[in-house]
Amino acid sequence: MLGLLLFINCSKERNFLNKHHITLVANFTDGNEVLTKEAQNFEKNHNIKFQEANKIYEAFRSNNEKSQIKTKDSFNFYPTLIIDEYYVYSFKNFKAGKIAVFGIGVNANTGEPKNFTEEIWLHERNILKK
């Protein structure tokens, strides 16, 4: 039974990676968050930059969640992934080396926010291999 569940999860991950262009936004080097070259290039070639996407994300989150926690304007943060044309703010499990696909996305061309609801966790190593 456990083998079947692992196979299904691996298949979902593989299918998702094959259907979408995925970019890891940042890595941690010496305890600091460093943008990947791919993420920097993506940002340069799109209308919405990280700072603007962060503001859109915050506004969308505060309008759609009960939590009204605000981050300071001076606090610099990045989305976790770029999926196709969306900056996606999701979760990272550092211990397992996995990143969630579900979260809030901001379209890098239009600024339109949307919820990503597909419950898939991608192995960071598989994103980097692609």
N, C-alpha and C. Protein backbone atom coordinates (compact mmCIF):
# COMPACT_ATOMS: atom_id res chain seq x y z
N MET A 1 0.82 -1.19 0.00
CA MET A 1 0.00 0.00 0.00
C MET A 1 0.87 1.26 0.00
N LEU A 2 1.91 1.27 0.84
CA LEU A 2 2.83 2.41 0.91
C LEU A 2 3.52 2.63 -0.42
N GLY A 3 3.92 1.55 -1.07
CA GLY A 3 4.55 1.64 -2.38
C GLY A 3 3.64 2.26 -3.41
N LEU A 4 2.37 1.92 -3.36
CA LEU A 4 1.38 2.49 -4.29
C LEU A 4 1.22 3.99 -4.06
N LEU A 5 1.16 4.41 -2.80
CA LEU A 5 1.05 5.84 -2.49
C LEU A 5 2.29 6.60 -2.97
N LEU A 6 3.46 6.05 -2.76
CA LEU A 6 4.69 6.70 -3.23
C LEU A 6 4.71 6.81 -4.75
N PHE A 7 4.26 5.76 -5.43
CA PHE A 7 4.21 5.77 -6.89
C PHE A 7 3.26 6.86 -7.39
N ILE A 8 2.09 6.97 -6.76
CA ILE A 8 1.10 7.98 -7.16
C ILE A 8 1.66 9.37 -6.95
N ASN A 9 2.30 9.62 -5.80
CA ASN A 9 2.88 10.93 -5.52
C ASN A 9 3.99 11.27 -6.51
N CYS A 10 4.84 10.31 -6.82
CA CYS A 10 5.92 10.54 -7.79
C CYS A 10 5.36 10.81 -9.18
N SER A 11 4.29 10.11 -9.53
CA SER A 11 3.66 10.32 -10.84
C SER A 11 3.04 11.70 -10.94
N LYS A 12 2.38 12.15 -9.87
CA LYS A 12 1.80 13.49 -9.86
C LYS A 12 2.89 14.54 -10.01
N GLU A 13 3.98 14.36 -9.30
CA GLU A 13 5.10 15.31 -9.39
C GLU A 13 5.69 15.32 -10.80
N ARG A 14 5.95 14.15 -11.34
CA ARG A 14 6.53 14.03 -12.68
C ARG A 14 5.61 14.66 -13.73
N ASN A 15 4.31 14.37 -13.66
CA ASN A 15 3.34 14.95 -14.59
C ASN A 15 3.32 16.47 -14.49
N PHE A 16 3.34 16.99 -13.27
CA PHE A 16 3.32 18.44 -13.07
C PHE A 16 4.58 19.07 -13.66
N LEU A 17 5.73 18.48 -13.41
CA LEU A 17 6.99 19.00 -13.94
C LEU A 17 7.01 18.96 -15.46
N ASN A 18 6.40 17.95 -16.05
CA ASN A 18 6.36 17.84 -17.52
C ASN A 18 5.41 18.84 -18.16
N LYS A 19 4.35 19.22 -17.45
CA LYS A 19 3.34 20.11 -18.02
C LYS A 19 3.64 21.59 -17.81
N HIS A 20 4.54 21.92 -16.88
CA HIS A 20 4.76 23.31 -16.51
C HIS A 20 6.24 23.66 -16.53
N HIS A 21 6.50 24.93 -16.76
CA HIS A 21 7.87 25.43 -16.63
C HIS A 21 8.01 25.94 -15.20
N ILE A 22 8.91 25.32 -14.45
CA ILE A 22 9.08 25.62 -13.03
C ILE A 22 10.47 26.22 -12.82
N THR A 23 10.52 27.31 -12.08
CA THR A 23 11.80 27.93 -11.72
C THR A 23 11.85 28.10 -10.22
N LEU A 24 12.94 27.66 -9.62
CA LEU A 24 13.19 27.90 -8.20
C LEU A 24 13.65 29.34 -8.07
N VAL A 25 13.05 30.10 -7.18
CA VAL A 25 13.35 31.53 -7.09
C VAL A 25 14.64 31.80 -6.32
N ALA A 26 14.84 31.13 -5.20
CA ALA A 26 16.02 31.44 -4.39
C ALA A 26 16.59 30.18 -3.75
N ASN A 27 17.87 30.25 -3.47
CA ASN A 27 18.57 29.23 -2.71
C ASN A 27 19.14 29.90 -1.47
N PHE A 28 19.48 29.10 -0.49
CA PHE A 28 20.14 29.65 0.69
C PHE A 28 21.62 29.33 0.60
N THR A 29 22.44 30.38 0.65
CA THR A 29 23.88 30.24 0.61
C THR A 29 24.45 30.94 1.83
N ASP A 30 25.20 30.20 2.64
CA ASP A 30 25.77 30.75 3.87
C ASP A 30 24.72 31.44 4.74
N GLY A 31 23.52 30.86 4.79
CA GLY A 31 22.45 31.40 5.62
C GLY A 31 21.69 32.57 5.01
N ASN A 32 22.07 32.99 3.80
CA ASN A 32 21.38 34.10 3.14
C ASN A 32 20.60 33.60 1.94
N GLU A 33 19.46 34.23 1.71
CA GLU A 33 18.64 33.89 0.56
C GLU A 33 19.21 34.59 -0.67
N VAL A 34 19.52 33.79 -1.71
CA VAL A 34 20.13 34.32 -2.93
C VAL A 34 19.24 33.94 -4.12
N LEU A 35 18.87 34.95 -4.92
CA LEU A 35 18.06 34.69 -6.11
C LEU A 35 18.81 33.85 -7.12
N THR A 36 18.11 32.93 -7.74
CA THR A 36 18.73 32.14 -8.81
C THR A 36 18.84 33.02 -10.06
N LYS A 37 19.77 32.69 -10.92
CA LYS A 37 19.94 33.43 -12.18
C LYS A 37 18.67 33.34 -13.04
N GLU A 38 18.03 32.17 -13.03
CA GLU A 38 16.81 31.98 -13.81
C GLU A 38 15.70 32.92 -13.33
N ALA A 39 15.57 33.08 -12.01
CA ALA A 39 14.56 33.97 -11.46
C ALA A 39 14.87 35.43 -11.79
N GLN A 40 16.15 35.80 -11.73
CA GLN A 40 16.55 37.16 -12.09
C GLN A 40 16.21 37.46 -13.54
N ASN A 41 16.51 36.51 -14.42
CA ASN A 41 16.21 36.69 -15.85
C ASN A 41 14.71 36.76 -16.10
N PHE A 42 13.95 35.94 -15.41
CA PHE A 42 12.49 35.95 -15.55
C PHE A 42 11.95 37.33 -15.17
N GLU A 43 12.40 37.83 -14.03
CA GLU A 43 11.92 39.13 -13.55
C GLU A 43 12.24 40.24 -14.56
N LYS A 44 13.43 40.23 -15.10
CA LYS A 44 13.85 41.25 -16.08
C LYS A 44 12.95 41.27 -17.30
N ASN A 45 12.44 40.11 -17.70
CA ASN A 45 11.67 39.98 -18.93
C ASN A 45 10.16 40.05 -18.74
N HIS A 46 9.70 40.46 -17.55
CA HIS A 46 8.27 40.54 -17.30
C HIS A 46 7.88 41.89 -16.71
N ASN A 47 6.62 42.26 -16.89
CA ASN A 47 6.11 43.56 -16.45
C ASN A 47 6.11 43.73 -14.95
N ILE A 48 5.71 42.70 -14.23
CA ILE A 48 5.58 42.77 -12.78
C ILE A 48 6.89 42.27 -12.16
N LYS A 49 7.49 43.11 -11.32
CA LYS A 49 8.74 42.76 -10.65
C LYS A 49 8.42 42.18 -9.26
N PHE A 50 9.44 41.63 -8.60
CA PHE A 50 9.23 40.98 -7.31
C PHE A 50 8.54 41.89 -6.30
N GLN A 51 9.01 43.13 -6.15
CA GLN A 51 8.43 44.03 -5.15
C GLN A 51 6.95 44.30 -5.41
N GLU A 52 6.60 44.52 -6.66
CA GLU A 52 5.20 44.76 -6.99
C GLU A 52 4.38 43.49 -6.77
N ALA A 53 4.92 42.34 -7.15
CA ALA A 53 4.23 41.07 -6.92
C ALA A 53 4.01 40.84 -5.43
N ASN A 54 4.98 41.21 -4.61
CA ASN A 54 4.83 41.06 -3.15
C ASN A 54 3.65 41.87 -2.64
N LYS A 55 3.50 43.11 -3.14
CA LYS A 55 2.39 43.97 -2.71
C LYS A 55 1.05 43.40 -3.15
N ILE A 56 1.01 42.87 -4.36
CA ILE A 56 -0.23 42.25 -4.87
C ILE A 56 -0.56 41.02 -4.03
N TYR A 57 0.44 40.22 -3.74
CA TYR A 57 0.26 39.02 -2.91
C TYR A 57 -0.29 39.40 -1.54
N GLU A 58 0.34 40.39 -0.90
CA GLU A 58 -0.09 40.82 0.44
C GLU A 58 -1.54 41.31 0.43
N ALA A 59 -1.90 42.12 -0.57
CA ALA A 59 -3.26 42.65 -0.66
C ALA A 59 -4.26 41.51 -0.87
N PHE A 60 -3.93 40.58 -1.77
CA PHE A 60 -4.81 39.45 -2.05
C PHE A 60 -4.98 38.58 -0.81
N ARG A 61 -3.87 38.32 -0.14
CA ARG A 61 -3.90 37.48 1.06
C ARG A 61 -4.73 38.14 2.16
N SER A 62 -4.52 39.42 2.40
CA SER A 62 -5.26 40.08 3.48
C SER A 62 -6.74 40.21 3.16
N ASN A 63 -7.09 40.28 1.88
CA ASN A 63 -8.51 40.35 1.49
C ASN A 63 -9.19 39.00 1.54
N ASN A 64 -8.43 37.91 1.46
CA ASN A 64 -9.03 36.58 1.34
C ASN A 64 -8.77 35.65 2.52
N GLU A 65 -8.02 36.11 3.49
CA GLU A 65 -7.73 35.27 4.65
C GLU A 65 -8.17 35.99 5.91
N LYS A 66 -8.47 35.23 6.92
CA LYS A 66 -8.86 35.82 8.20
C LYS A 66 -7.69 36.53 8.85
N SER A 67 -6.49 36.03 8.61
CA SER A 67 -5.29 36.63 9.19
C SER A 67 -5.04 37.99 8.55
N GLN A 68 -4.86 38.98 9.36
CA GLN A 68 -4.59 40.32 8.85
C GLN A 68 -3.14 40.72 9.13
N ILE A 69 -2.26 39.74 9.21
CA ILE A 69 -0.85 40.01 9.47
C ILE A 69 -0.25 40.73 8.28
N LYS A 70 0.40 41.82 8.54
CA LYS A 70 1.05 42.61 7.49
C LYS A 70 2.56 42.50 7.68
N THR A 71 3.28 42.46 6.58
CA THR A 71 4.73 42.51 6.67
C THR A 71 5.16 43.95 6.54
N LYS A 72 6.28 44.28 7.11
CA LYS A 72 6.80 45.64 7.02
C LYS A 72 7.22 45.92 5.59
N ASP A 73 7.04 47.17 5.15
CA ASP A 73 7.43 47.54 3.79
C ASP A 73 8.91 47.29 3.54
N SER A 74 9.72 47.42 4.59
CA SER A 74 11.16 47.25 4.41
C SER A 74 11.57 45.78 4.35
N PHE A 75 10.67 44.89 4.72
CA PHE A 75 10.98 43.46 4.71
C PHE A 75 11.00 42.96 3.27
N ASN A 76 12.09 42.35 2.90
CA ASN A 76 12.25 41.86 1.53
C ASN A 76 11.99 40.36 1.51
N PHE A 77 11.07 39.94 0.69
CA PHE A 77 10.80 38.51 0.56
C PHE A 77 10.52 38.19 -0.89
N TYR A 78 10.62 36.92 -1.21
CA TYR A 78 10.46 36.47 -2.58
C TYR A 78 9.43 35.35 -2.64
N PRO A 79 8.83 35.17 -3.80
CA PRO A 79 7.99 33.98 -3.97
C PRO A 79 8.88 32.74 -3.89
N THR A 80 8.28 31.61 -3.71
CA THR A 80 9.03 30.37 -3.60
C THR A 80 9.39 29.82 -4.98
N LEU A 81 8.42 29.86 -5.89
CA LEU A 81 8.58 29.30 -7.23
C LEU A 81 8.05 30.26 -8.28
N ILE A 82 8.45 30.03 -9.50
CA ILE A 82 7.79 30.62 -10.65
C ILE A 82 7.23 29.43 -11.43
N ILE A 83 5.91 29.43 -11.59
CA ILE A 83 5.24 28.37 -12.35
C ILE A 83 4.64 29.02 -13.59
N ASP A 84 5.17 28.65 -14.72
CA ASP A 84 4.77 29.24 -16.00
C ASP A 84 4.95 30.75 -15.92
N GLU A 85 3.90 31.53 -15.88
CA GLU A 85 3.98 32.99 -15.84
C GLU A 85 3.61 33.57 -14.48
N TYR A 86 3.60 32.74 -13.45
CA TYR A 86 3.17 33.17 -12.12
C TYR A 86 4.29 33.09 -11.09
N TYR A 87 4.41 34.15 -10.30
CA TYR A 87 5.21 34.10 -9.07
C TYR A 87 4.31 33.39 -8.06
N VAL A 88 4.79 32.30 -7.47
CA VAL A 88 3.96 31.53 -6.54
C VAL A 88 4.55 31.59 -5.14
N TYR A 89 3.73 32.07 -4.22
CA TYR A 89 4.09 32.16 -2.81
C TYR A 89 3.54 30.92 -2.12
N SER A 90 4.43 30.00 -1.78
CA SER A 90 3.99 28.74 -1.20
C SER A 90 4.89 28.39 -0.02
N PHE A 91 5.07 27.11 0.22
CA PHE A 91 5.77 26.63 1.40
C PHE A 91 6.95 25.76 1.00
N LYS A 92 7.98 25.80 1.82
CA LYS A 92 9.14 24.96 1.57
C LYS A 92 9.41 24.12 2.82
N ASN A 93 9.55 22.81 2.63
CA ASN A 93 9.91 21.91 3.71
C ASN A 93 11.41 21.67 3.58
N PHE A 94 12.19 22.40 4.36
CA PHE A 94 13.64 22.33 4.25
C PHE A 94 14.18 20.95 4.58
N LYS A 95 13.59 20.30 5.57
CA LYS A 95 14.07 18.99 6.00
C LYS A 95 13.90 17.95 4.88
N ALA A 96 12.74 17.98 4.22
CA ALA A 96 12.46 17.00 3.15
C ALA A 96 12.97 17.47 1.79
N GLY A 97 13.35 18.75 1.69
CA GLY A 97 13.81 19.27 0.39
C GLY A 97 12.69 19.38 -0.62
N LYS A 98 11.47 19.67 -0.13
CA LYS A 98 10.31 19.75 -1.01
C LYS A 98 9.70 21.15 -0.97
N ILE A 99 9.06 21.51 -2.09
CA ILE A 99 8.40 22.80 -2.21
C ILE A 99 6.97 22.57 -2.67
N ALA A 100 6.03 23.23 -2.01
CA ALA A 100 4.62 23.09 -2.33
C ALA A 100 4.27 23.87 -3.59
N VAL A 101 3.41 23.30 -4.40
CA VAL A 101 2.89 23.96 -5.59
C VAL A 101 1.70 24.83 -5.21
N PHE A 102 0.97 24.45 -4.15
CA PHE A 102 -0.21 25.21 -3.76
C PHE A 102 0.19 26.47 -3.00
N GLY A 103 -0.58 27.52 -3.22
CA GLY A 103 -0.32 28.81 -2.60
C GLY A 103 -0.98 29.89 -3.43
N ILE A 104 -0.49 31.11 -3.29
CA ILE A 104 -1.04 32.23 -4.04
C ILE A 104 -0.06 32.61 -5.13
N GLY A 105 -0.58 32.74 -6.35
CA GLY A 105 0.24 33.13 -7.49
C GLY A 105 -0.12 34.53 -7.96
N VAL A 106 0.89 35.24 -8.50
CA VAL A 106 0.68 36.56 -9.09
C VAL A 106 1.22 36.49 -10.52
N ASN A 107 0.35 36.79 -11.50
CA ASN A 107 0.77 36.75 -12.89
C ASN A 107 1.83 37.82 -13.14
N ALA A 108 2.95 37.43 -13.70
CA ALA A 108 4.09 38.32 -13.91
C ALA A 108 3.88 39.30 -15.07
N ASN A 109 2.84 39.10 -15.85
CA ASN A 109 2.53 40.02 -16.95
C ASN A 109 1.40 40.98 -16.59
N THR A 110 0.37 40.45 -15.93
CA THR A 110 -0.83 41.24 -15.67
C THR A 110 -0.99 41.68 -14.22
N GLY A 111 -0.33 40.98 -13.30
CA GLY A 111 -0.50 41.26 -11.88
C GLY A 111 -1.72 40.60 -11.27
N GLU A 112 -2.43 39.81 -12.06
CA GLU A 112 -3.63 39.15 -11.56
C GLU A 112 -3.27 38.03 -10.58
N PRO A 113 -3.84 38.06 -9.35
CA PRO A 113 -3.57 37.00 -8.39
C PRO A 113 -4.50 35.81 -8.61
N LYS A 114 -4.05 34.64 -8.22
CA LYS A 114 -4.92 33.46 -8.26
C LYS A 114 -4.42 32.44 -7.26
N ASN A 115 -5.35 31.62 -6.79
CA ASN A 115 -5.00 30.53 -5.87
C ASN A 115 -4.57 29.32 -6.66
N PHE A 116 -3.45 28.75 -6.28
CA PHE A 116 -3.00 27.46 -6.80
C PHE A 116 -3.39 26.44 -5.74
N THR A 117 -4.24 25.50 -6.10
CA THR A 117 -4.81 24.60 -5.10
C THR A 117 -4.38 23.14 -5.24
N GLU A 118 -3.66 22.81 -6.30
CA GLU A 118 -3.25 21.42 -6.50
C GLU A 118 -2.23 21.02 -5.44
N GLU A 119 -2.57 20.03 -4.64
CA GLU A 119 -1.72 19.65 -3.52
C GLU A 119 -0.60 18.72 -3.97
N ILE A 120 0.44 19.35 -4.48
CA ILE A 120 1.62 18.62 -4.94
C ILE A 120 2.85 19.25 -4.28
N TRP A 121 3.75 18.41 -3.85
CA TRP A 121 5.04 18.85 -3.34
C TRP A 121 6.10 18.39 -4.33
N LEU A 122 6.95 19.32 -4.77
CA LEU A 122 8.02 19.00 -5.71
C LEU A 122 9.34 18.89 -4.96
N HIS A 123 10.13 17.90 -5.32
CA HIS A 123 11.48 17.80 -4.76
C HIS A 123 12.34 18.89 -5.40
N GLU A 124 13.03 19.64 -4.59
CA GLU A 124 13.87 20.73 -5.09
C GLU A 124 14.88 20.21 -6.11
N ARG A 125 15.44 19.06 -5.86
CA ARG A 125 16.45 18.50 -6.80
C ARG A 125 15.84 18.24 -8.17
N ASN A 126 14.55 17.87 -8.23
CA ASN A 126 13.90 17.63 -9.53
C ASN A 126 13.64 18.92 -10.28
N ILE A 127 13.39 20.00 -9.56
CA ILE A 127 13.21 21.31 -10.18
C ILE A 127 14.54 21.76 -10.77
N LEU A 128 15.60 21.58 -10.04
CA LEU A 128 16.93 22.02 -10.48
C LEU A 128 17.45 21.18 -11.65
N LYS A 129 17.03 19.91 -11.72
CA LYS A 129 17.46 19.02 -12.82
C LYS A 129 16.81 19.38 -14.14
N LYS A 130 15.63 19.92 -14.07
CA LYS A 130 14.81 20.14 -15.26
C LYS A 130 15.41 21.14 -16.20
